[in-house]
Amino acid sequence: MAGKVSERVKQHAALDLDPLIHERARLAILSALGSEGELSFTELKGITGTTDGNLAAHTSKLEAAGYISLAKGMFGGRSKTTYAITEAGKAALMEYLNALEKLLGEVKGS
């Protein structure tokens, strides 16, 4: 049996998953922004179930990668931070989802 595996050794599909996106809070952030387009800090916090500090840390990593952008402004006398997915973020999310589909196919044998 081991001979069959070594004859067809290739990189496992799981290794194609972007580790930056693979973390569940960051995947939730990108997925939410991918479907909604733009969300406030408060909306993302509710969707992801994170604390203020965790959300800030995860959005900072995604922003540094160029996957999301943020805008700060004043609305009704209060500061509001809004996030949006970038074109690079959309492309990275699609690559991640394609890699996940490939992994599912390998595991299910299709």
PDB file of N, CA and C in Angstrom:
ATOM      1  N   MET A   1       0.818  -1.196   0.000  1.00  0.00           N
ATOM      2  CA  MET A   1       0.000   0.000   0.000  1.00  0.00           C
ATOM      3  C   MET A   1       0.864   1.264   0.000  1.00  0.00           C
ATOM      4  N   ALA A   2       1.947   1.233   0.756  1.00  0.00           N
ATOM      5  CA  ALA A   2       2.822   2.405   0.833  1.00  0.00           C
ATOM      6  C   ALA A   2       3.428   2.724  -0.523  1.00  0.00           C
ATOM      7  N   GLY A   3       3.687   1.710  -1.328  1.00  0.00           N
ATOM      8  CA  GLY A   3       4.239   1.928  -2.659  1.00  0.00           C
ATOM      9  C   GLY A   3       3.312   2.737  -3.534  1.00  0.00           C
ATOM     10  N   LYS A   4       2.025   2.489  -3.419  1.00  0.00           N
ATOM     11  CA  LYS A   4       1.051   3.225  -4.227  1.00  0.00           C
ATOM     12  C   LYS A   4       1.046   4.708  -3.856  1.00  0.00           C
ATOM     13  N   VAL A   5       1.154   5.000  -2.581  1.00  0.00           N
ATOM     14  CA  VAL A   5       1.154   6.395  -2.136  1.00  0.00           C
ATOM     15  C   VAL A   5       2.404   7.103  -2.633  1.00  0.00           C
ATOM     16  N   SER A   6       3.570   6.469  -2.497  1.00  0.00           N
ATOM     17  CA  SER A   6       4.806   7.136  -2.888  1.00  0.00           C
ATOM     18  C   SER A   6       4.893   7.343  -4.405  1.00  0.00           C
ATOM     19  N   GLU A   7       4.233   6.477  -5.188  1.00  0.00           N
ATOM     20  CA  GLU A   7       4.244   6.638  -6.635  1.00  0.00           C
ATOM     21  C   GLU A   7       3.495   7.888  -7.080  1.00  0.00           C
ATOM     22  N   ARG A   8       2.547   8.301  -6.320  1.00  0.00           N
ATOM     23  CA  ARG A   8       1.726   9.449  -6.716  1.00  0.00           C
ATOM     24  C   ARG A   8       1.789  10.584  -5.689  1.00  0.00           C
ATOM     25  N   VAL A   9       2.942  10.760  -5.082  1.00  0.00           N
ATOM     26  CA  VAL A   9       3.108  11.794  -4.067  1.00  0.00           C
ATOM     27  C   VAL A   9       2.935  13.163  -4.722  1.00  0.00           C
ATOM     28  N   LYS A  10       2.081  13.945  -4.117  1.00  0.00           N
ATOM     29  CA  LYS A  10       1.848  15.319  -4.557  1.00  0.00           C
ATOM     30  C   LYS A  10       1.467  16.124  -3.329  1.00  0.00           C
ATOM     31  N   GLN A  11       1.527  17.409  -3.447  1.00  0.00           N
ATOM     32  CA  GLN A  11       1.146  18.262  -2.328  1.00  0.00           C
ATOM     33  C   GLN A  11      -0.322  18.067  -2.020  1.00  0.00           C
ATOM     34  N   HIS A  12      -0.618  17.906  -0.757  1.00  0.00           N
ATOM     35  CA  HIS A  12      -2.005  17.708  -0.341  1.00  0.00           C
ATOM     36  C   HIS A  12      -2.795  19.002  -0.536  1.00  0.00           C
ATOM     37  N   ALA A  13      -4.037  18.868  -0.951  1.00  0.00           N
ATOM     38  CA  ALA A  13      -4.883  20.036  -1.232  1.00  0.00           C
ATOM     39  C   ALA A  13      -5.046  20.943  -0.016  1.00  0.00           C
ATOM     40  N   ALA A  14      -4.947  20.402   1.172  1.00  0.00           N
ATOM     41  CA  ALA A  14      -5.085  21.225   2.376  1.00  0.00           C
ATOM     42  C   ALA A  14      -3.994  22.285   2.451  1.00  0.00           C
ATOM     43  N   LEU A  15      -2.853  21.997   1.844  1.00  0.00           N
ATOM     44  CA  LEU A  15      -1.742  22.952   1.874  1.00  0.00           C
ATOM     45  C   LEU A  15      -1.960  24.137   0.940  1.00  0.00           C
ATOM     46  N   ASP A  16      -2.980  24.051   0.087  1.00  0.00           N
ATOM     47  CA  ASP A  16      -3.314  25.164  -0.803  1.00  0.00           C
ATOM     48  C   ASP A  16      -4.189  26.208  -0.123  1.00  0.00           C
ATOM     49  N   LEU A  17      -4.676  25.916   1.082  1.00  0.00           N
ATOM     50  CA  LEU A  17      -5.538  26.857   1.794  1.00  0.00           C
ATOM     51  C   LEU A  17      -4.703  27.999   2.356  1.00  0.00           C
ATOM     52  N   ASP A  18      -5.073  29.226   2.024  1.00  0.00           N
ATOM     53  CA  ASP A  18      -4.371  30.423   2.491  1.00  0.00           C
ATOM     54  C   ASP A  18      -4.451  30.481   4.018  1.00  0.00           C
ATOM     55  N   PRO A  19      -3.319  30.384   4.723  1.00  0.00           N
ATOM     56  CA  PRO A  19      -3.360  30.369   6.185  1.00  0.00           C
ATOM     57  C   PRO A  19      -3.886  31.681   6.786  1.00  0.00           C
ATOM     58  N   LEU A  20      -3.738  32.775   6.079  1.00  0.00           N
ATOM     59  CA  LEU A  20      -4.261  34.045   6.581  1.00  0.00           C
ATOM     60  C   LEU A  20      -5.789  34.011   6.619  1.00  0.00           C
ATOM     61  N   ILE A  21      -6.394  33.419   5.607  1.00  0.00           N
ATOM     62  CA  ILE A  21      -7.849  33.348   5.536  1.00  0.00           C
ATOM     63  C   ILE A  21      -8.380  32.183   6.359  1.00  0.00           C
ATOM     64  N   HIS A  22      -7.598  31.124   6.504  1.00  0.00           N
ATOM     65  CA  HIS A  22      -8.083  29.886   7.114  1.00  0.00           C
ATOM     66  C   HIS A  22      -8.496  30.054   8.577  1.00  0.00           C
ATOM     67  N   GLU A  23      -7.943  31.022   9.267  1.00  0.00           N
ATOM     68  CA  GLU A  23      -8.347  31.269  10.654  1.00  0.00           C
ATOM     69  C   GLU A  23      -9.826  31.640  10.657  1.00  0.00           C
ATOM     70  N   ARG A  24     -10.626  31.013  11.511  1.00  0.00           N
ATOM     71  CA  ARG A  24     -12.089  31.110  11.405  1.00  0.00           C
ATOM     72  C   ARG A  24     -12.651  32.529  11.512  1.00  0.00           C
ATOM     73  N   ALA A  25     -12.094  33.370  12.362  1.00  0.00           N
ATOM     74  CA  ALA A  25     -12.614  34.739  12.469  1.00  0.00           C
ATOM     75  C   ALA A  25     -12.326  35.517  11.181  1.00  0.00           C
ATOM     76  N   ARG A  26     -11.119  35.342  10.616  1.00  0.00           N
ATOM     77  CA  ARG A  26     -10.789  36.051   9.378  1.00  0.00           C
ATOM     78  C   ARG A  26     -11.599  35.511   8.207  1.00  0.00           C
ATOM     79  N   LEU A  27     -11.857  34.207   8.193  1.00  0.00           N
ATOM     80  CA  LEU A  27     -12.722  33.636   7.159  1.00  0.00           C
ATOM     81  C   LEU A  27     -14.134  34.200   7.288  1.00  0.00           C
ATOM     82  N   ALA A  28     -14.621  34.337   8.511  1.00  0.00           N
ATOM     83  CA  ALA A  28     -15.951  34.910   8.736  1.00  0.00           C
ATOM     84  C   ALA A  28     -16.000  36.366   8.284  1.00  0.00           C
ATOM     85  N   ILE A  29     -14.959  37.128   8.572  1.00  0.00           N
ATOM     86  CA  ILE A  29     -14.896  38.540   8.167  1.00  0.00           C
ATOM     87  C   ILE A  29     -14.926  38.656   6.650  1.00  0.00           C
ATOM     88  N   LEU A  30     -14.034  37.921   5.978  1.00  0.00           N
ATOM     89  CA  LEU A  30     -13.969  37.998   4.517  1.00  0.00           C
ATOM     90  C   LEU A  30     -15.246  37.488   3.867  1.00  0.00           C
ATOM     91  N   SER A  31     -15.798  36.411   4.389  1.00  0.00           N
ATOM     92  CA  SER A  31     -17.037  35.863   3.833  1.00  0.00           C
ATOM     93  C   SER A  31     -18.190  36.851   3.984  1.00  0.00           C
ATOM     94  N   ALA A  32     -18.295  37.459   5.141  1.00  0.00           N
ATOM     95  CA  ALA A  32     -19.360  38.437   5.372  1.00  0.00           C
ATOM     96  C   ALA A  32     -19.201  39.637   4.449  1.00  0.00           C
ATOM     97  N   LEU A  33     -17.975  40.136   4.330  1.00  0.00           N
ATOM     98  CA  LEU A  33     -17.741  41.273   3.445  1.00  0.00           C
ATOM     99  C   LEU A  33     -17.918  40.877   1.983  1.00  0.00           C
ATOM    100  N   GLY A  34     -17.576  39.633   1.657  1.00  0.00           N
ATOM    101  CA  GLY A  34     -17.762  39.145   0.293  1.00  0.00           C
ATOM    102  C   GLY A  34     -19.215  39.101  -0.110  1.00  0.00           C
ATOM    103  N   SER A  35     -20.092  38.806   0.833  1.00  0.00           N
ATOM    104  CA  SER A  35     -21.523  38.748   0.503  1.00  0.00           C
ATOM    105  C   SER A  35     -22.237  40.077   0.715  1.00  0.00           C
ATOM    106  N   GLU A  36     -21.774  40.860   1.671  1.00  0.00           N
ATOM    107  CA  GLU A  36     -22.440  42.137   1.984  1.00  0.00           C
ATOM    108  C   GLU A  36     -21.766  43.339   1.327  1.00  0.00           C
ATOM    109  N   GLY A  37     -20.495  43.216   1.017  1.00  0.00           N
ATOM    110  CA  GLY A  37     -19.769  44.322   0.399  1.00  0.00           C
ATOM    111  C   GLY A  37     -19.129  45.256   1.407  1.00  0.00           C
ATOM    112  N   GLU A  38     -19.905  45.735   2.352  1.00  0.00           N
ATOM    113  CA  GLU A  38     -19.406  46.703   3.326  1.00  0.00           C
ATOM    114  C   GLU A  38     -20.162  46.517   4.631  1.00  0.00           C
ATOM    115  N   LEU A  39     -19.431  46.515   5.740  1.00  0.00           N
ATOM    116  CA  LEU A  39     -20.050  46.369   7.058  1.00  0.00           C
ATOM    117  C   LEU A  39     -19.306  47.233   8.069  1.00  0.00           C
ATOM    118  N   SER A  40     -20.029  47.653   9.094  1.00  0.00           N
ATOM    119  CA  SER A  40     -19.411  48.439  10.161  1.00  0.00           C
ATOM    120  C   SER A  40     -18.692  47.504  11.135  1.00  0.00           C
ATOM    121  N   PHE A  41     -17.856  48.099  11.954  1.00  0.00           N
ATOM    122  CA  PHE A  41     -17.150  47.350  12.995  1.00  0.00           C
ATOM    123  C   PHE A  41     -18.158  46.616  13.874  1.00  0.00           C
ATOM    124  N   THR A  42     -19.204  47.301  14.276  1.00  0.00           N
ATOM    125  CA  THR A  42     -20.225  46.716  15.147  1.00  0.00           C
ATOM    126  C   THR A  42     -20.932  45.548  14.459  1.00  0.00           C
ATOM    127  N   GLU A  43     -21.247  45.700  13.178  1.00  0.00           N
ATOM    128  CA  GLU A  43     -21.891  44.612  12.442  1.00  0.00           C
ATOM    129  C   GLU A  43     -20.966  43.401  12.340  1.00  0.00           C
ATOM    130  N   LEU A  44     -19.689  43.645  12.019  1.00  0.00           N
ATOM    131  CA  LEU A  44     -18.727  42.538  11.930  1.00  0.00           C
ATOM    132  C   LEU A  44     -18.534  41.866  13.281  1.00  0.00           C
ATOM    133  N   LYS A  45     -18.515  42.646  14.329  1.00  0.00           N
ATOM    134  CA  LYS A  45     -18.362  42.092  15.671  1.00  0.00           C
ATOM    135  C   LYS A  45     -19.522  41.147  15.983  1.00  0.00           C
ATOM    136  N   GLY A  46     -20.725  41.559  15.632  1.00  0.00           N
ATOM    137  CA  GLY A  46     -21.894  40.711  15.865  1.00  0.00           C
ATOM    138  C   GLY A  46     -21.890  39.447  15.016  1.00  0.00           C
ATOM    139  N   ILE A  47     -21.510  39.585  13.759  1.00  0.00           N
ATOM    140  CA  ILE A  47     -21.487  38.446  12.839  1.00  0.00           C
ATOM    141  C   ILE A  47     -20.430  37.421  13.246  1.00  0.00           C
ATOM    142  N   THR A  48     -19.268  37.907  13.657  1.00  0.00           N
ATOM    143  CA  THR A  48     -18.150  37.007  13.959  1.00  0.00           C
ATOM    144  C   THR A  48     -18.130  36.530  15.409  1.00  0.00           C
ATOM    145  N   GLY A  49     -18.849  37.212  16.286  1.00  0.00           N
ATOM    146  CA  GLY A  49     -18.856  36.837  17.697  1.00  0.00           C
ATOM    147  C   GLY A  49     -17.526  37.087  18.394  1.00  0.00           C
ATOM    148  N   THR A  50     -16.760  38.041  17.882  1.00  0.00           N
ATOM    149  CA  THR A  50     -15.455  38.354  18.470  1.00  0.00           C
ATOM    150  C   THR A  50     -15.566  39.524  19.437  1.00  0.00           C
ATOM    151  N   THR A  51     -14.519  39.700  20.212  1.00  0.00           N
ATOM    152  CA  THR A  51     -14.433  40.868  21.078  1.00  0.00           C
ATOM    153  C   THR A  51     -13.887  42.034  20.256  1.00  0.00           C
ATOM    154  N   ASP A  52     -13.959  43.222  20.799  1.00  0.00           N
ATOM    155  CA  ASP A  52     -13.405  44.392  20.113  1.00  0.00           C
ATOM    156  C   ASP A  52     -11.935  44.177  19.759  1.00  0.00           C
ATOM    157  N   GLY A  53     -11.159  43.714  20.734  1.00  0.00           N
ATOM    158  CA  GLY A  53      -9.728  43.524  20.520  1.00  0.00           C
ATOM    159  C   GLY A  53      -9.419  42.462  19.474  1.00  0.00           C
ATOM    160  N   ASN A  54     -10.141  41.340  19.529  1.00  0.00           N
ATOM    161  CA  ASN A  54      -9.913  40.276  18.549  1.00  0.00           C
ATOM    162  C   ASN A  54     -10.282  40.737  17.154  1.00  0.00           C
ATOM    163  N   LEU A  55     -11.412  41.420  17.024  1.00  0.00           N
ATOM    164  CA  LEU A  55     -11.825  41.894  15.709  1.00  0.00           C
ATOM    165  C   LEU A  55     -10.814  42.893  15.163  1.00  0.00           C
ATOM    166  N   ALA A  56     -10.344  43.787  16.014  1.00  0.00           N
ATOM    167  CA  ALA A  56      -9.347  44.772  15.576  1.00  0.00           C
ATOM    168  C   ALA A  56      -8.071  44.079  15.109  1.00  0.00           C
ATOM    169  N   ALA A  57      -7.637  43.051  15.826  1.00  0.00           N
ATOM    170  CA  ALA A  57      -6.418  42.324  15.440  1.00  0.00           C
ATOM    171  C   ALA A  57      -6.605  41.608  14.102  1.00  0.00           C
ATOM    172  N   HIS A  58      -7.737  40.945  13.926  1.00  0.00           N
ATOM    173  CA  HIS A  58      -7.977  40.206  12.685  1.00  0.00           C
ATOM    174  C   HIS A  58      -8.166  41.140  11.487  1.00  0.00           C
ATOM    175  N   THR A  59      -8.897  42.224  11.673  1.00  0.00           N
ATOM    176  CA  THR A  59      -9.081  43.161  10.556  1.00  0.00           C
ATOM    177  C   THR A  59      -7.764  43.838  10.197  1.00  0.00           C
ATOM    178  N   SER A  60      -6.912  44.072  11.188  1.00  0.00           N
ATOM    179  CA  SER A  60      -5.595  44.668  10.906  1.00  0.00           C
ATOM    180  C   SER A  60      -4.766  43.747  10.023  1.00  0.00           C
ATOM    181  N   LYS A  61      -4.799  42.449  10.296  1.00  0.00           N
ATOM    182  CA  LYS A  61      -4.045  41.489   9.481  1.00  0.00           C
ATOM    183  C   LYS A  61      -4.589  41.438   8.061  1.00  0.00           C
ATOM    184  N   LEU A  62      -5.913  41.439   7.933  1.00  0.00           N
ATOM    185  CA  LEU A  62      -6.516  41.405   6.599  1.00  0.00           C
ATOM    186  C   LEU A  62      -6.244  42.695   5.839  1.00  0.00           C
ATOM    187  N   GLU A  63      -6.250  43.818   6.542  1.00  0.00           N
ATOM    188  CA  GLU A  63      -5.952  45.103   5.891  1.00  0.00           C
ATOM    189  C   GLU A  63      -4.488  45.153   5.447  1.00  0.00           C
ATOM    190  N   ALA A  64      -3.590  44.656   6.287  1.00  0.00           N
ATOM    191  CA  ALA A  64      -2.160  44.645   5.939  1.00  0.00           C
ATOM    192  C   ALA A  64      -1.894  43.785   4.704  1.00  0.00           C
ATOM    193  N   ALA A  65      -2.689  42.740   4.526  1.00  0.00           N
ATOM    194  CA  ALA A  65      -2.552  41.870   3.351  1.00  0.00           C
ATOM    195  C   ALA A  65      -3.207  42.472   2.112  1.00  0.00           C
ATOM    196  N   GLY A  66      -3.956  43.556   2.303  1.00  0.00           N
ATOM    197  CA  GLY A  66      -4.645  44.188   1.180  1.00  0.00           C
ATOM    198  C   GLY A  66      -5.976  43.527   0.840  1.00  0.00           C
ATOM    199  N   TYR A  67      -6.488  42.687   1.740  1.00  0.00           N
ATOM    200  CA  TYR A  67      -7.734  41.970   1.498  1.00  0.00           C
ATOM    201  C   TYR A  67      -8.976  42.800   1.842  1.00  0.00           C
ATOM    202  N   ILE A  68      -8.825  43.737   2.766  1.00  0.00           N
ATOM    203  CA  ILE A  68      -9.940  44.616   3.121  1.00  0.00           C
ATOM    204  C   ILE A  68      -9.434  46.046   3.238  1.00  0.00           C
ATOM    205  N   SER A  69     -10.371  46.981   3.169  1.00  0.00           N
ATOM    206  CA  SER A  69     -10.045  48.388   3.393  1.00  0.00           C
ATOM    207  C   SER A  69     -10.967  48.907   4.481  1.00  0.00           C
ATOM    208  N   LEU A  70     -10.556  49.971   5.120  1.00  0.00           N
ATOM    209  CA  LEU A  70     -11.419  50.556   6.141  1.00  0.00           C
ATOM    210  C   LEU A  70     -11.578  52.040   5.904  1.00  0.00           C
ATOM    211  N   ALA A  71     -12.711  52.531   6.347  1.00  0.00           N
ATOM    212  CA  ALA A  71     -12.995  53.964   6.268  1.00  0.00           C
ATOM    213  C   ALA A  71     -13.505  54.387   7.639  1.00  0.00           C
ATOM    214  N   LYS A  72     -12.988  55.506   8.121  1.00  0.00           N
ATOM    215  CA  LYS A  72     -13.433  56.047   9.405  1.00  0.00           C
ATOM    216  C   LYS A  72     -14.128  57.372   9.149  1.00  0.00           C
ATOM    217  N   GLY A  73     -15.197  57.585   9.873  1.00  0.00           N
ATOM    218  CA  GLY A  73     -15.923  58.834   9.723  1.00  0.00           C
ATOM    219  C   GLY A  73     -16.797  59.103  10.926  1.00  0.00           C
ATOM    220  N   MET A  74     -17.432  60.248  10.897  1.00  0.00           N
ATOM    221  CA  MET A  74     -18.353  60.630  11.970  1.00  0.00           C
ATOM    222  C   MET A  74     -19.774  60.545  11.434  1.00  0.00           C
ATOM    223  N   PHE A  75     -20.612  59.835  12.157  1.00  0.00           N
ATOM    224  CA  PHE A  75     -22.013  59.706  11.783  1.00  0.00           C
ATOM    225  C   PHE A  75     -22.856  59.959  13.020  1.00  0.00           C
ATOM    226  N   GLY A  76     -23.672  60.993  12.965  1.00  0.00           N
ATOM    227  CA  GLY A  76     -24.506  61.328  14.113  1.00  0.00           C
ATOM    228  C   GLY A  76     -23.706  61.668  15.355  1.00  0.00           C
ATOM    229  N   GLY A  77     -22.572  62.301  15.173  1.00  0.00           N
ATOM    230  CA  GLY A  77     -21.742  62.687  16.306  1.00  0.00           C
ATOM    231  C   GLY A  77     -20.905  61.551  16.877  1.00  0.00           C
ATOM    232  N   ARG A  78     -20.947  60.388  16.258  1.00  0.00           N
ATOM    233  CA  ARG A  78     -20.181  59.245  16.740  1.00  0.00           C
ATOM    234  C   ARG A  78     -19.222  58.761  15.658  1.00  0.00           C
ATOM    235  N   SER A  79     -18.106  58.259  16.115  1.00  0.00           N
ATOM    236  CA  SER A  79     -17.119  57.698  15.195  1.00  0.00           C
ATOM    237  C   SER A  79     -17.627  56.350  14.690  1.00  0.00           C
ATOM    238  N   LYS A  80     -17.436  56.111  13.393  1.00  0.00           N
ATOM    239  CA  LYS A  80     -17.873  54.844  12.815  1.00  0.00           C
ATOM    240  C   LYS A  80     -16.776  54.338  11.876  1.00  0.00           C
ATOM    241  N   THR A  81     -16.418  53.066  12.035  1.00  0.00           N
ATOM    242  CA  THR A  81     -15.445  52.419  11.170  1.00  0.00           C
ATOM    243  C   THR A  81     -16.186  51.430  10.296  1.00  0.00           C
ATOM    244  N   THR A  82     -15.944  51.524   9.005  1.00  0.00           N
ATOM    245  CA  THR A  82     -16.595  50.643   8.042  1.00  0.00           C
ATOM    246  C   THR A  82     -15.527  49.902   7.256  1.00  0.00           C
ATOM    247  N   TYR A  83     -15.779  48.615   7.020  1.00  0.00           N
ATOM    248  CA  TYR A  83     -14.848  47.761   6.282  1.00  0.00           C
ATOM    249  C   TYR A  83     -15.472  47.320   4.972  1.00  0.00           C
ATOM    250  N   ALA A  84     -14.618  47.139   3.965  1.00  0.00           N
ATOM    251  CA  ALA A  84     -15.057  46.635   2.663  1.00  0.00           C
ATOM    252  C   ALA A  84     -14.005  45.660   2.146  1.00  0.00           C
ATOM    253  N   ILE A  85     -14.446  44.674   1.395  1.00  0.00           N
ATOM    254  CA  ILE A  85     -13.517  43.733   0.786  1.00  0.00           C
ATOM    255  C   ILE A  85     -12.926  44.389  -0.468  1.00  0.00           C
ATOM    256  N   THR A  86     -11.644  44.184  -0.688  1.00  0.00           N
ATOM    257  CA  THR A  86     -10.978  44.742  -1.871  1.00  0.00           C
ATOM    258  C   THR A  86     -11.023  43.726  -3.009  1.00  0.00           C
ATOM    259  N   GLU A  87     -10.614  44.147  -4.185  1.00  0.00           N
ATOM    260  CA  GLU A  87     -10.532  43.211  -5.318  1.00  0.00           C
ATOM    261  C   GLU A  87      -9.550  42.085  -5.002  1.00  0.00           C
ATOM    262  N   ALA A  88      -8.435  42.440  -4.365  1.00  0.00           N
ATOM    263  CA  ALA A  88      -7.457  41.417  -3.966  1.00  0.00           C
ATOM    264  C   ALA A  88      -8.077  40.461  -2.946  1.00  0.00           C
ATOM    265  N   GLY A  89      -8.887  41.000  -2.060  1.00  0.00           N
ATOM    266  CA  GLY A  89      -9.567  40.175  -1.063  1.00  0.00           C
ATOM    267  C   GLY A  89     -10.575  39.234  -1.697  1.00  0.00           C
ATOM    268  N   LYS A  90     -11.319  39.749  -2.687  1.00  0.00           N
ATOM    269  CA  LYS A  90     -12.278  38.888  -3.402  1.00  0.00           C
ATOM    270  C   LYS A  90     -11.548  37.762  -4.115  1.00  0.00           C
ATOM    271  N   ALA A  91     -10.433  38.095  -4.766  1.00  0.00           N
ATOM    272  CA  ALA A  91      -9.655  37.080  -5.487  1.00  0.00           C
ATOM    273  C   ALA A  91      -9.093  36.043  -4.514  1.00  0.00           C
ATOM    274  N   ALA A  92      -8.568  36.498  -3.390  1.00  0.00           N
ATOM    275  CA  ALA A  92      -8.007  35.581  -2.393  1.00  0.00           C
ATOM    276  C   ALA A  92      -9.094  34.681  -1.812  1.00  0.00           C
ATOM    277  N   LEU A  93     -10.260  35.244  -1.559  1.00  0.00           N
ATOM    278  CA  LEU A  93     -11.367  34.452  -1.027  1.00  0.00           C
ATOM    279  C   LEU A  93     -11.813  33.403  -2.046  1.00  0.00           C
ATOM    280  N   MET A  94     -11.884  33.773  -3.318  1.00  0.00           N
ATOM    281  CA  MET A  94     -12.265  32.809  -4.351  1.00  0.00           C
ATOM    282  C   MET A  94     -11.221  31.702  -4.487  1.00  0.00           C
ATOM    283  N   GLU A  95      -9.934  32.063  -4.425  1.00  0.00           N
ATOM    284  CA  GLU A  95      -8.863  31.055  -4.464  1.00  0.00           C
ATOM    285  C   GLU A  95      -8.988  30.114  -3.276  1.00  0.00           C
ATOM    286  N   TYR A  96      -9.272  30.662  -2.107  1.00  0.00           N
ATOM    287  CA  TYR A  96      -9.425  29.859  -0.901  1.00  0.00           C
ATOM    288  C   TYR A  96     -10.595  28.887  -1.065  1.00  0.00           C
ATOM    289  N   LEU A  97     -11.725  29.389  -1.536  1.00  0.00           N
ATOM    290  CA  LEU A  97     -12.907  28.537  -1.709  1.00  0.00           C
ATOM    291  C   LEU A  97     -12.670  27.458  -2.763  1.00  0.00           C
ATOM    292  N   ASN A  98     -11.952  27.799  -3.828  1.00  0.00           N
ATOM    293  CA  ASN A  98     -11.614  26.800  -4.852  1.00  0.00           C
ATOM    294  C   ASN A  98     -10.708  25.719  -4.266  1.00  0.00           C
ATOM    295  N   ALA A  99      -9.741  26.127  -3.447  1.00  0.00           N
ATOM    296  CA  ALA A  99      -8.851  25.155  -2.803  1.00  0.00           C
ATOM    297  C   ALA A  99      -9.630  24.269  -1.840  1.00  0.00           C
ATOM    298  N   LEU A 100     -10.608  24.847  -1.162  1.00  0.00           N
ATOM    299  CA  LEU A 100     -11.447  24.077  -0.248  1.00  0.00           C
ATOM    300  C   LEU A 100     -12.294  23.064  -1.019  1.00  0.00           C
ATOM    301  N   GLU A 101     -12.825  23.473  -2.156  1.00  0.00           N
ATOM    302  CA  GLU A 101     -13.592  22.540  -2.998  1.00  0.00           C
ATOM    303  C   GLU A 101     -12.701  21.399  -3.490  1.00  0.00           C
ATOM    304  N   LYS A 102     -11.467  21.722  -3.850  1.00  0.00           N
ATOM    305  CA  LYS A 102     -10.517  20.697  -4.313  1.00  0.00           C
ATOM    306  C   LYS A 102     -10.252  19.715  -3.165  1.00  0.00           C
ATOM    307  N   LEU A 103     -10.051  20.230  -1.974  1.00  0.00           N
ATOM    308  CA  LEU A 103      -9.811  19.396  -0.810  1.00  0.00           C
ATOM    309  C   LEU A 103     -11.013  18.490  -0.538  1.00  0.00           C
ATOM    310  N   LEU A 104     -12.198  19.045  -0.599  1.00  0.00           N
ATOM    311  CA  LEU A 104     -13.409  18.246  -0.395  1.00  0.00           C
ATOM    312  C   LEU A 104     -13.510  17.137  -1.436  1.00  0.00           C
ATOM    313  N   GLY A 105     -13.179  17.451  -2.669  1.00  0.00           N
ATOM    314  CA  GLY A 105     -13.210  16.448  -3.722  1.00  0.00           C
ATOM    315  C   GLY A 105     -12.227  15.319  -3.463  1.00  0.00           C
ATOM    316  N   GLU A 106     -11.032  15.664  -2.996  1.00  0.00           N
ATOM    317  CA  GLU A 106     -10.033  14.631  -2.699  1.00  0.00           C
ATOM    318  C   GLU A 106     -10.491  13.744  -1.549  1.00  0.00           C
ATOM    319  N   VAL A 107     -11.043  14.354  -0.525  1.00  0.00           N
ATOM    320  CA  VAL A 107     -11.469  13.587   0.639  1.00  0.00           C
ATOM    321  C   VAL A 107     -12.668  12.689   0.302  1.00  0.00           C
ATOM    322  N   LYS A 108     -13.582  13.230  -0.483  1.00  0.00           N
ATOM    323  CA  LYS A 108     -14.774  12.458  -0.862  1.00  0.00           C
ATOM    324  C   LYS A 108     -14.500  11.501  -2.018  1.00  0.00           C
ATOM    325  N   GLY A 109     -13.338  11.649  -2.641  1.00  0.00           N
ATOM    326  CA  GLY A 109     -12.969  10.759  -3.719  1.00  0.00           C
ATOM    327  C   GLY A 109     -13.575  11.096  -5.061  1.00  0.00           C
ATOM    328  N   SER A 110     -13.948  12.349  -5.262  1.00  0.00           N
ATOM    329  CA  SER A 110     -14.526  12.726  -6.564  1.00  0.00           C
ATOM    330  C   SER A 110     -13.594  13.597  -7.360  1.00  0.00           C
TER     331      SER A 110
END
